[in-house]
Amino acid sequence: MPVRFAPRSIILKDGRTCTLRPTAPEDAEAMIQYLKETSGETEYLLRYPDEVTFTLEGEREILGRLLEDSSSAMMAAIVDGRVAGNCSINGLGPKRKIRHRCSMAIALYREFWHLGIGTAMIEYLTELAREIGYQQMDLEVVAENTQAQALYAKCGFAESGRRHHALRFDDGSLHDEILMYKEL
């Protein structure tokens, strides 16, 4: 059964309203732009802007499939009528030894940092993960991204390990990933 969830409104620290809602195929253009721009705002995401090569039709297909996927949920944060951020959970696979776990990813436009959106999205996705039946949520974060690590710790994640030199940036520098998990 697909994961359906109701939109949820939150009041941001600056007084504006943010709506957390499922992404949909009609969000494709805004999501492609969001991926390109956020990838250029921080070194801590997994892709560079030039690696965002989705076509509009391809992105529509991906977003449509996600609406029907019973092991995933993707949400957009909408502020003033535009995408402010995105957060998702995906199952690690159907094998019995790992199907109790999901992986979480999140990113926001820099202008929406520190307003409470990240915390609200993680809390809502935690509820959805429990509804799906997951017992553990995992994530990876660049070791130098202490701001994100603090957010994840605030939301109940704990460090469980490190991948040495997991990422090579374009400048040639190597960076570890911190592995984190949250029991649901």
Protein backbone atom coordinates (compact mmCIF):
# COMPACT_ATOMS: atom_id res chain seq x y z
CA MET A 1 0.00 0.00 0.00
CA PRO A 2 1.43 3.43 -0.93
CA VAL A 3 2.52 5.80 1.82
CA ARG A 4 -0.01 8.60 1.93
CA PHE A 5 0.32 11.38 4.40
CA ALA A 6 -1.60 14.53 5.07
CA PRO A 7 -0.08 17.97 4.66
CA ARG A 8 0.97 19.52 7.95
CA SER A 9 1.45 23.23 8.63
CA ILE A 10 4.02 24.59 11.05
CA ILE A 11 4.83 28.11 12.16
CA LEU A 12 8.46 29.02 11.54
CA LYS A 13 10.69 30.92 13.93
CA ASP A 14 10.22 34.04 11.77
CA GLY A 15 6.41 33.75 11.97
CA ARG A 16 5.78 32.47 8.44
CA THR A 17 3.82 29.30 7.77
CA CYS A 18 5.46 26.25 6.22
CA THR A 19 3.48 23.34 4.80
CA LEU A 20 5.01 19.88 4.83
CA ARG A 21 3.39 17.80 2.10
CA PRO A 22 4.08 14.88 -0.21
CA THR A 23 5.98 15.71 -3.37
CA ALA A 24 4.05 15.12 -6.58
CA PRO A 25 4.81 14.97 -10.32
CA GLU A 26 3.70 18.59 -10.73
CA ASP A 27 6.63 19.59 -8.45
CA ALA A 28 9.17 18.29 -10.98
CA GLU A 29 10.42 21.63 -12.30
CA ALA A 30 10.72 23.17 -8.82
CA MET A 31 12.49 20.04 -7.51
CA ILE A 32 15.08 20.07 -10.31
CA GLN A 33 15.80 23.74 -9.62
CA TYR A 34 15.97 23.04 -5.88
CA LEU A 35 18.46 20.19 -6.41
CA LYS A 36 20.70 22.36 -8.61
CA GLU A 37 20.67 25.34 -6.28
CA THR A 38 21.05 23.55 -2.95
CA SER A 39 23.91 21.47 -4.39
CA GLY A 40 25.72 24.74 -5.06
CA GLU A 41 25.01 26.28 -1.66
CA THR A 42 26.99 23.76 0.38
CA GLU A 43 29.76 21.24 -0.16
CA TYR A 44 27.98 18.82 2.15
CA LEU A 45 25.45 17.36 -0.29
CA LEU A 46 26.31 14.29 -2.38
CA ARG A 47 26.18 15.99 -5.76
CA TYR A 48 27.45 19.08 -7.49
CA PRO A 49 25.01 21.28 -9.46
CA ASP A 50 26.30 20.03 -12.82
CA GLU A 51 25.44 16.48 -11.74
CA VAL A 52 21.73 17.33 -11.56
CA THR A 53 20.80 16.07 -15.01
CA PHE A 54 17.20 14.98 -14.54
CA THR A 55 14.82 15.77 -17.37
CA LEU A 56 11.46 17.24 -16.53
CA GLU A 57 9.72 14.07 -17.70
CA GLY A 58 12.18 11.85 -15.81
CA GLU A 59 11.67 13.80 -12.59
CA ARG A 60 7.88 13.60 -13.01
CA GLU A 61 8.19 9.82 -13.33
CA ILE A 62 10.37 9.55 -10.22
CA LEU A 63 7.99 11.69 -8.16
CA GLY A 64 5.00 9.68 -9.41
CA ARG A 65 6.64 6.37 -8.50
CA LEU A 66 7.47 7.67 -5.03
CA LEU A 67 3.78 8.38 -4.41
CA GLU A 68 3.05 4.70 -5.07
CA ASP A 69 6.05 3.24 -3.19
CA SER A 70 5.02 1.59 0.08
CA SER A 71 8.58 1.66 1.44
CA SER A 72 9.37 5.36 0.86
CA ALA A 73 8.07 8.81 1.64
CA MET A 74 9.23 12.14 0.23
CA MET A 75 8.07 15.48 1.52
CA ALA A 76 8.50 19.04 0.36
CA ALA A 77 8.55 22.02 2.68
CA ILE A 78 6.60 24.88 1.06
CA VAL A 79 7.08 28.47 2.27
CA ASP A 80 5.47 31.44 0.53
CA GLY A 81 4.39 29.18 -2.32
CA ARG A 82 7.84 27.79 -3.14
CA VAL A 83 9.87 24.73 -2.26
CA ALA A 84 12.09 25.54 0.73
CA GLY A 85 13.42 22.03 1.24
CA ASN A 86 12.93 18.35 0.81
CA CYS A 87 13.27 15.29 3.01
CA SER A 88 12.80 11.60 2.29
CA ILE A 89 13.04 8.10 3.68
CA ASN A 90 13.73 5.02 1.61
CA GLY A 91 13.83 1.40 2.65
CA LEU A 92 17.18 -0.33 2.35
CA GLY A 93 15.61 -3.28 0.58
CA PRO A 94 13.19 -6.18 0.89
CA LYS A 95 15.65 -8.70 2.35
CA ARG A 96 14.51 -9.81 5.79
CA LYS A 97 17.79 -8.88 7.49
CA ILE A 98 17.57 -5.21 6.48
CA ARG A 99 13.92 -4.44 5.82
CA HIS A 100 13.52 -3.03 9.35
CA ARG A 101 15.75 -0.07 8.37
CA CYS A 102 15.31 3.04 6.24
CA SER A 103 17.67 5.76 5.15
CA MET A 104 16.89 9.46 5.52
CA ALA A 105 18.06 12.40 3.41
CA ILE A 106 17.32 16.12 3.84
CA ALA A 107 18.34 19.45 2.35
CA LEU A 108 17.06 23.02 2.53
CA TYR A 109 17.83 26.18 0.65
CA ARG A 110 20.32 28.13 2.78
CA GLU A 111 17.84 31.00 3.25
CA PHE A 112 15.55 28.59 5.15
CA TRP A 113 18.17 27.26 7.56
CA HIS A 114 17.60 27.85 11.30
CA LEU A 115 13.82 28.35 11.02
CA GLY A 116 12.69 24.96 12.40
CA ILE A 117 11.92 23.31 9.04
CA GLY A 118 14.58 20.61 9.32
CA THR A 119 13.45 19.56 12.77
CA ALA A 120 9.79 19.49 11.73
CA MET A 121 10.51 17.43 8.60
CA ILE A 122 12.61 14.89 10.52
CA GLU A 123 9.95 14.56 13.23
CA TYR A 124 7.19 14.04 10.66
CA LEU A 125 9.27 11.52 8.68
CA THR A 126 9.98 9.66 11.92
CA GLU A 127 6.21 9.25 12.40
CA LEU A 128 5.81 8.06 8.82
CA ALA A 129 8.71 5.61 9.15
CA ARG A 130 7.05 4.07 12.19
CA GLU A 131 3.74 3.81 10.30
CA ILE A 132 5.51 2.00 7.45
CA GLY A 133 6.92 -0.41 10.01
CA TYR A 134 10.58 0.61 10.15
CA GLN A 135 12.41 0.16 13.43
CA GLN A 136 15.55 2.13 12.61
CA MET A 137 16.39 5.21 10.54
CA ASP A 138 19.93 5.67 9.24
CA LEU A 139 21.77 8.60 7.65
CA GLU A 140 25.24 9.69 6.62
CA VAL A 141 26.67 13.17 7.14
CA VAL A 142 29.99 14.73 6.11
CA ALA A 143 32.27 14.76 9.18
CA GLU A 144 32.86 18.53 8.95
CA ASN A 145 29.12 19.28 8.84
CA THR A 146 28.78 19.80 12.58
CA GLN A 147 25.65 21.96 12.14
CA ALA A 148 23.75 19.03 10.57
CA GLN A 149 25.14 16.61 13.15
CA ALA A 150 23.77 18.84 15.92
CA LEU A 151 20.33 18.86 14.24
CA TYR A 152 20.35 15.08 13.91
CA ALA A 153 21.42 14.61 17.54
CA LYS A 154 18.63 16.99 18.64
CA CYS A 155 16.20 14.76 16.69
CA GLY A 156 17.39 11.60 18.46
CA PHE A 157 20.13 10.29 16.15
CA ALA A 158 23.34 8.84 17.57
CA GLU A 159 26.69 8.28 15.88
CA SER A 160 27.35 4.65 15.02
CA GLY A 161 30.54 4.81 12.98
CA ARG A 162 32.61 6.49 10.32
CA ARG A 163 33.49 5.82 6.68
CA HIS A 164 37.06 6.88 6.12
CA HIS A 165 37.58 9.09 3.03
CA ALA A 166 34.05 8.34 1.82
CA LEU A 167 33.83 11.52 -0.25
CA ARG A 168 36.29 13.15 -2.65
CA PHE A 169 35.48 16.80 -3.34
CA ASP A 170 36.38 18.44 -6.66
CA ASP A 171 39.35 20.17 -5.03
CA GLY A 172 40.81 16.70 -4.36
CA SER A 173 40.23 16.78 -0.59
CA LEU A 174 38.94 13.62 1.06
CA HIS A 175 36.25 13.68 3.75
CA ASP A 176 34.92 11.10 6.17
CA GLU A 177 31.24 10.37 6.60
CA ILE A 178 29.71 10.01 10.03
CA LEU A 179 27.11 7.23 10.20
CA MET A 180 24.14 7.98 12.45
CA TYR A 181 21.02 6.05 13.42
CA LYS A 182 17.81 6.52 15.33
CA GLU A 183 15.79 3.72 16.94
CA LEU A 184 12.13 4.13 16.12
